Amino acid sequence: MFEFLNQELNEFYGEDKKKLRTNTILYGHLGEGRWHTHLQPPLSSESIAQFEADLK
């Protein structure tokens, strides 16, 4: 699903985007640090397993 949404948003917004160090992508700059929408990549299976192990 992430790849599908990423492709659709890239086609719609073109170069009007910014990628953060967390791999979150911001789309549609509105000015003053505001963005229209964002897309966050999914967590890896390893990250989820580690989180669940930490919570027991």
PDB file of N, CA and C in Angstrom:
ATOM      1  N   MET A   1       0.822  -1.189   0.000  1.00  0.00           N
ATOM      2  CA  MET A   1       0.000   0.000   0.000  1.00  0.00           C
ATOM      3  C   MET A   1       0.870   1.258   0.000  1.00  0.00           C
ATOM      4  N   PHE A   2       1.976   1.211   0.783  1.00  0.00           N
ATOM      5  CA  PHE A   2       2.868   2.371   0.852  1.00  0.00           C
ATOM      6  C   PHE A   2       3.377   2.752  -0.530  1.00  0.00           C
ATOM      7  N   GLU A   3       3.831   1.763  -1.295  1.00  0.00           N
ATOM      8  CA  GLU A   3       4.389   2.054  -2.621  1.00  0.00           C
ATOM      9  C   GLU A   3       3.333   2.648  -3.550  1.00  0.00           C
ATOM     10  N   PHE A   4       2.113   2.125  -3.479  1.00  0.00           N
ATOM     11  CA  PHE A   4       1.027   2.654  -4.304  1.00  0.00           C
ATOM     12  C   PHE A   4       0.753   4.119  -3.971  1.00  0.00           C
ATOM     13  N   LEU A   5       0.606   4.415  -2.672  1.00  0.00           N
ATOM     14  CA  LEU A   5       0.338   5.794  -2.255  1.00  0.00           C
ATOM     15  C   LEU A   5       1.510   6.708  -2.596  1.00  0.00           C
ATOM     16  N   ASN A   6       2.720   6.220  -2.407  1.00  0.00           N
ATOM     17  CA  ASN A   6       3.902   7.007  -2.730  1.00  0.00           C
ATOM     18  C   ASN A   6       3.913   7.386  -4.211  1.00  0.00           C
ATOM     19  N   GLN A   7       3.623   6.435  -5.055  1.00  0.00           N
ATOM     20  CA  GLN A   7       3.592   6.694  -6.505  1.00  0.00           C
ATOM     21  C   GLN A   7       2.491   7.696  -6.865  1.00  0.00           C
ATOM     22  N   GLU A   8       1.317   7.511  -6.316  1.00  0.00           N
ATOM     23  CA  GLU A   8       0.200   8.414  -6.609  1.00  0.00           C
ATOM     24  C   GLU A   8       0.500   9.844  -6.142  1.00  0.00           C
ATOM     25  N   LEU A   9       1.038   9.982  -4.936  1.00  0.00           N
ATOM     26  CA  LEU A   9       1.348  11.307  -4.413  1.00  0.00           C
ATOM     27  C   LEU A   9       2.492  11.959  -5.190  1.00  0.00           C
ATOM     28  N   ASN A  10       3.473  11.166  -5.603  1.00  0.00           N
ATOM     29  CA  ASN A  10       4.565  11.711  -6.415  1.00  0.00           C
ATOM     30  C   ASN A  10       4.048  12.242  -7.747  1.00  0.00           C
ATOM     31  N   GLU A  11       3.132  11.525  -8.363  1.00  0.00           N
ATOM     32  CA  GLU A  11       2.554  11.982  -9.628  1.00  0.00           C
ATOM     33  C   GLU A  11       1.740  13.257  -9.421  1.00  0.00           C
ATOM     34  N   PHE A  12       1.019  13.335  -8.335  1.00  0.00           N
ATOM     35  CA  PHE A  12       0.155  14.479  -8.077  1.00  0.00           C
ATOM     36  C   PHE A  12       0.957  15.724  -7.691  1.00  0.00           C
ATOM     37  N   TYR A  13       1.908  15.576  -6.775  1.00  0.00           N
ATOM     38  CA  TYR A  13       2.651  16.727  -6.255  1.00  0.00           C
ATOM     39  C   TYR A  13       3.954  17.001  -6.995  1.00  0.00           C
ATOM     40  N   GLY A  14       4.451  16.054  -7.760  1.00  0.00           N
ATOM     41  CA  GLY A  14       5.697  16.269  -8.499  1.00  0.00           C
ATOM     42  C   GLY A  14       6.863  16.550  -7.572  1.00  0.00           C
ATOM     43  N   GLU A  15       7.542  17.658  -7.788  1.00  0.00           N
ATOM     44  CA  GLU A  15       8.714  18.022  -6.985  1.00  0.00           C
ATOM     45  C   GLU A  15       8.356  18.778  -5.706  1.00  0.00           C
ATOM     46  N   ASP A  16       7.085  19.015  -5.468  1.00  0.00           N
ATOM     47  CA  ASP A  16       6.647  19.753  -4.279  1.00  0.00           C
ATOM     48  C   ASP A  16       6.574  18.804  -3.085  1.00  0.00           C
ATOM     49  N   LYS A  17       7.760  18.341  -2.652  1.00  0.00           N
ATOM     50  CA  LYS A  17       7.823  17.397  -1.547  1.00  0.00           C
ATOM     51  C   LYS A  17       9.152  17.540  -0.829  1.00  0.00           C
ATOM     52  N   LYS A  18       9.201  16.969   0.365  1.00  0.00           N
ATOM     53  CA  LYS A  18      10.421  17.004   1.170  1.00  0.00           C
ATOM     54  C   LYS A  18      10.504  15.697   1.943  1.00  0.00           C
ATOM     55  N   LYS A  19      11.681  15.058   1.902  1.00  0.00           N
ATOM     56  CA  LYS A  19      11.883  13.811   2.632  1.00  0.00           C
ATOM     57  C   LYS A  19      12.665  14.101   3.904  1.00  0.00           C
ATOM     58  N   LEU A  20      12.131  13.641   5.030  1.00  0.00           N
ATOM     59  CA  LEU A  20      12.763  13.840   6.325  1.00  0.00           C
ATOM     60  C   LEU A  20      13.712  12.687   6.644  1.00  0.00           C
ATOM     61  N   ARG A  21      14.577  12.873   7.655  1.00  0.00           N
ATOM     62  CA  ARG A  21      15.537  11.826   8.022  1.00  0.00           C
ATOM     63  C   ARG A  21      14.841  10.573   8.531  1.00  0.00           C
ATOM     64  N   THR A  22      13.600  10.669   8.949  1.00  0.00           N
ATOM     65  CA  THR A  22      12.818   9.513   9.392  1.00  0.00           C
ATOM     66  C   THR A  22      12.184   8.779   8.214  1.00  0.00           C
ATOM     67  N   ASN A  23      12.461   9.233   7.003  1.00  0.00           N
ATOM     68  CA  ASN A  23      11.897   8.728   5.745  1.00  0.00           C
ATOM     69  C   ASN A  23      10.444   9.109   5.542  1.00  0.00           C
ATOM     70  N   THR A  24       9.908   9.961   6.399  1.00  0.00           N
ATOM     71  CA  THR A  24       8.582  10.533   6.167  1.00  0.00           C
ATOM     72  C   THR A  24       8.697  11.494   5.001  1.00  0.00           C
ATOM     73  N   ILE A  25       7.718  11.483   4.118  1.00  0.00           N
ATOM     74  CA  ILE A  25       7.719  12.384   2.974  1.00  0.00           C
ATOM     75  C   ILE A  25       6.570  13.377   3.144  1.00  0.00           C
ATOM     76  N   LEU A  26       6.902  14.657   3.074  1.00  0.00           N
ATOM     77  CA  LEU A  26       5.916  15.726   3.169  1.00  0.00           C
ATOM     78  C   LEU A  26       5.571  16.171   1.755  1.00  0.00           C
ATOM     79  N   TYR A  27       4.304  16.405   1.491  1.00  0.00           N
ATOM     80  CA  TYR A  27       3.842  16.800   0.160  1.00  0.00           C
ATOM     81  C   TYR A  27       3.035  18.096   0.227  1.00  0.00           C
ATOM     82  N   GLY A  28       3.189  18.927  -0.774  1.00  0.00           N
ATOM     83  CA  GLY A  28       2.371  20.126  -0.923  1.00  0.00           C
ATOM     84  C   GLY A  28       2.698  21.217   0.065  1.00  0.00           C
ATOM     85  N   HIS A  29       3.841  21.863  -0.097  1.00  0.00           N
ATOM     86  CA  HIS A  29       4.267  22.914   0.821  1.00  0.00           C
ATOM     87  C   HIS A  29       3.259  24.064   0.806  1.00  0.00           C
ATOM     88  N   LEU A  30       2.774  24.439   1.988  1.00  0.00           N
ATOM     89  CA  LEU A  30       1.792  25.507   2.123  1.00  0.00           C
ATOM     90  C   LEU A  30       2.417  26.792   2.644  1.00  0.00           C
ATOM     91  N   GLY A  31       3.697  26.758   2.948  1.00  0.00           N
ATOM     92  CA  GLY A  31       4.378  27.920   3.503  1.00  0.00           C
ATOM     93  C   GLY A  31       4.429  27.855   5.013  1.00  0.00           C
ATOM     94  N   GLU A  32       5.344  28.613   5.597  1.00  0.00           N
ATOM     95  CA  GLU A  32       5.499  28.703   7.044  1.00  0.00           C
ATOM     96  C   GLU A  32       5.641  27.331   7.712  1.00  0.00           C
ATOM     97  N   GLY A  33       6.341  26.409   7.066  1.00  0.00           N
ATOM     98  CA  GLY A  33       6.578  25.093   7.647  1.00  0.00           C
ATOM     99  C   GLY A  33       5.391  24.151   7.636  1.00  0.00           C
ATOM    100  N   ARG A  34       4.342  24.515   6.918  1.00  0.00           N
ATOM    101  CA  ARG A  34       3.143  23.675   6.854  1.00  0.00           C
ATOM    102  C   ARG A  34       3.122  22.899   5.539  1.00  0.00           C
ATOM    103  N   TRP A  35       2.608  21.676   5.586  1.00  0.00           N
ATOM    104  CA  TRP A  35       2.511  20.816   4.413  1.00  0.00           C
ATOM    105  C   TRP A  35       1.102  20.269   4.319  1.00  0.00           C
ATOM    106  N   HIS A  36       0.662  20.002   3.109  1.00  0.00           N
ATOM    107  CA  HIS A  36      -0.695  19.519   2.865  1.00  0.00           C
ATOM    108  C   HIS A  36      -0.898  18.116   3.416  1.00  0.00           C
ATOM    109  N   THR A  37       0.025  17.209   3.153  1.00  0.00           N
ATOM    110  CA  THR A  37      -0.127  15.825   3.606  1.00  0.00           C
ATOM    111  C   THR A  37       1.241  15.204   3.802  1.00  0.00           C
ATOM    112  N   HIS A  38       1.261  14.040   4.419  1.00  0.00           N
ATOM    113  CA  HIS A  38       2.508  13.323   4.621  1.00  0.00           C
ATOM    114  C   HIS A  38       2.278  11.822   4.507  1.00  0.00           C
ATOM    115  N   LEU A  39       3.382  11.115   4.259  1.00  0.00           N
ATOM    116  CA  LEU A  39       3.339   9.663   4.121  1.00  0.00           C
ATOM    117  C   LEU A  39       4.510   9.098   4.911  1.00  0.00           C
ATOM    118  N   GLN A  40       4.215   8.187   5.824  1.00  0.00           N
ATOM    119  CA  GLN A  40       5.255   7.556   6.623  1.00  0.00           C
ATOM    120  C   GLN A  40       5.408   6.107   6.180  1.00  0.00           C
ATOM    121  N   PRO A  41       6.659   5.652   6.012  1.00  0.00           N
ATOM    122  CA  PRO A  41       6.857   4.258   5.607  1.00  0.00           C
ATOM    123  C   PRO A  41       6.423   3.314   6.723  1.00  0.00           C
ATOM    124  N   PRO A  42       6.019   2.105   6.357  1.00  0.00           N
ATOM    125  CA  PRO A  42       5.594   1.146   7.375  1.00  0.00           C
ATOM    126  C   PRO A  42       6.781   0.665   8.212  1.00  0.00           C
ATOM    127  N   LEU A  43       6.497   0.199   9.416  1.00  0.00           N
ATOM    128  CA  LEU A  43       7.530  -0.391  10.257  1.00  0.00           C
ATOM    129  C   LEU A  43       7.933  -1.746   9.698  1.00  0.00           C
ATOM    130  N   SER A  44       9.180  -2.111   9.912  1.00  0.00           N
ATOM    131  CA  SER A  44       9.649  -3.422   9.475  1.00  0.00           C
ATOM    132  C   SER A  44       9.135  -4.489  10.445  1.00  0.00           C
ATOM    133  N   SER A  45       9.116  -5.721  10.002  1.00  0.00           N
ATOM    134  CA  SER A  45       8.693  -6.828  10.861  1.00  0.00           C
ATOM    135  C   SER A  45       9.609  -6.941  12.070  1.00  0.00           C
ATOM    136  N   GLU A  46      10.899  -6.664  11.854  1.00  0.00           N
ATOM    137  CA  GLU A  46      11.858  -6.725  12.952  1.00  0.00           C
ATOM    138  C   GLU A  46      11.551  -5.668  14.014  1.00  0.00           C
ATOM    139  N   SER A  47      11.203  -4.467  13.584  1.00  0.00           N
ATOM    140  CA  SER A  47      10.869  -3.399  14.527  1.00  0.00           C
ATOM    141  C   SER A  47       9.629  -3.743  15.339  1.00  0.00           C
ATOM    142  N   ILE A  48       8.648  -4.313  14.693  1.00  0.00           N
ATOM    143  CA  ILE A  48       7.420  -4.709  15.383  1.00  0.00           C
ATOM    144  C   ILE A  48       7.704  -5.817  16.381  1.00  0.00           C
ATOM    145  N   ALA A  49       8.487  -6.816  15.970  1.00  0.00           N
ATOM    146  CA  ALA A  49       8.831  -7.927  16.858  1.00  0.00           C
ATOM    147  C   ALA A  49       9.607  -7.425  18.070  1.00  0.00           C
ATOM    148  N   GLN A  50      10.533  -6.495  17.863  1.00  0.00           N
ATOM    149  CA  GLN A  50      11.301  -5.949  18.976  1.00  0.00           C
ATOM    150  C   GLN A  50      10.396  -5.179  19.936  1.00  0.00           C
ATOM    151  N   PHE A  51       9.479  -4.393  19.398  1.00  0.00           N
ATOM    152  CA  PHE A  51       8.536  -3.642  20.224  1.00  0.00           C
ATOM    153  C   PHE A  51       7.675  -4.590  21.061  1.00  0.00           C
ATOM    154  N   GLU A  52       7.174  -5.652  20.427  1.00  0.00           N
ATOM    155  CA  GLU A  52       6.354  -6.611  21.149  1.00  0.00           C
ATOM    156  C   GLU A  52       7.155  -7.333  22.224  1.00  0.00           C
ATOM    157  N   ALA A  53       8.428  -7.652  21.927  1.00  0.00           N
ATOM    158  CA  ALA A  53       9.289  -8.302  22.915  1.00  0.00           C
ATOM    159  C   ALA A  53       9.555  -7.383  24.097  1.00  0.00           C
ATOM    160  N   ASP A  54       9.749  -6.105  23.809  1.00  0.00           N
ATOM    161  CA  ASP A  54       9.987  -5.132  24.868  1.00  0.00           C
ATOM    162  C   ASP A  54       8.771  -4.997  25.788  1.00  0.00           C
ATOM    163  N   LEU A  55       7.582  -5.101  25.227  1.00  0.00           N
ATOM    164  CA  LEU A  55       6.355  -4.985  26.022  1.00  0.00           C
ATOM    165  C   LEU A  55       5.976  -6.280  26.724  1.00  0.00           C
ATOM    166  N   LYS A  56       6.528  -7.388  26.244  1.00  0.00           N
ATOM    167  CA  LYS A  56       6.233  -8.736  26.791  1.00  0.00           C
ATOM    168  C   LYS A  56       4.750  -9.035  26.680  1.00  0.00           C
TER     169      LYS A  56
END
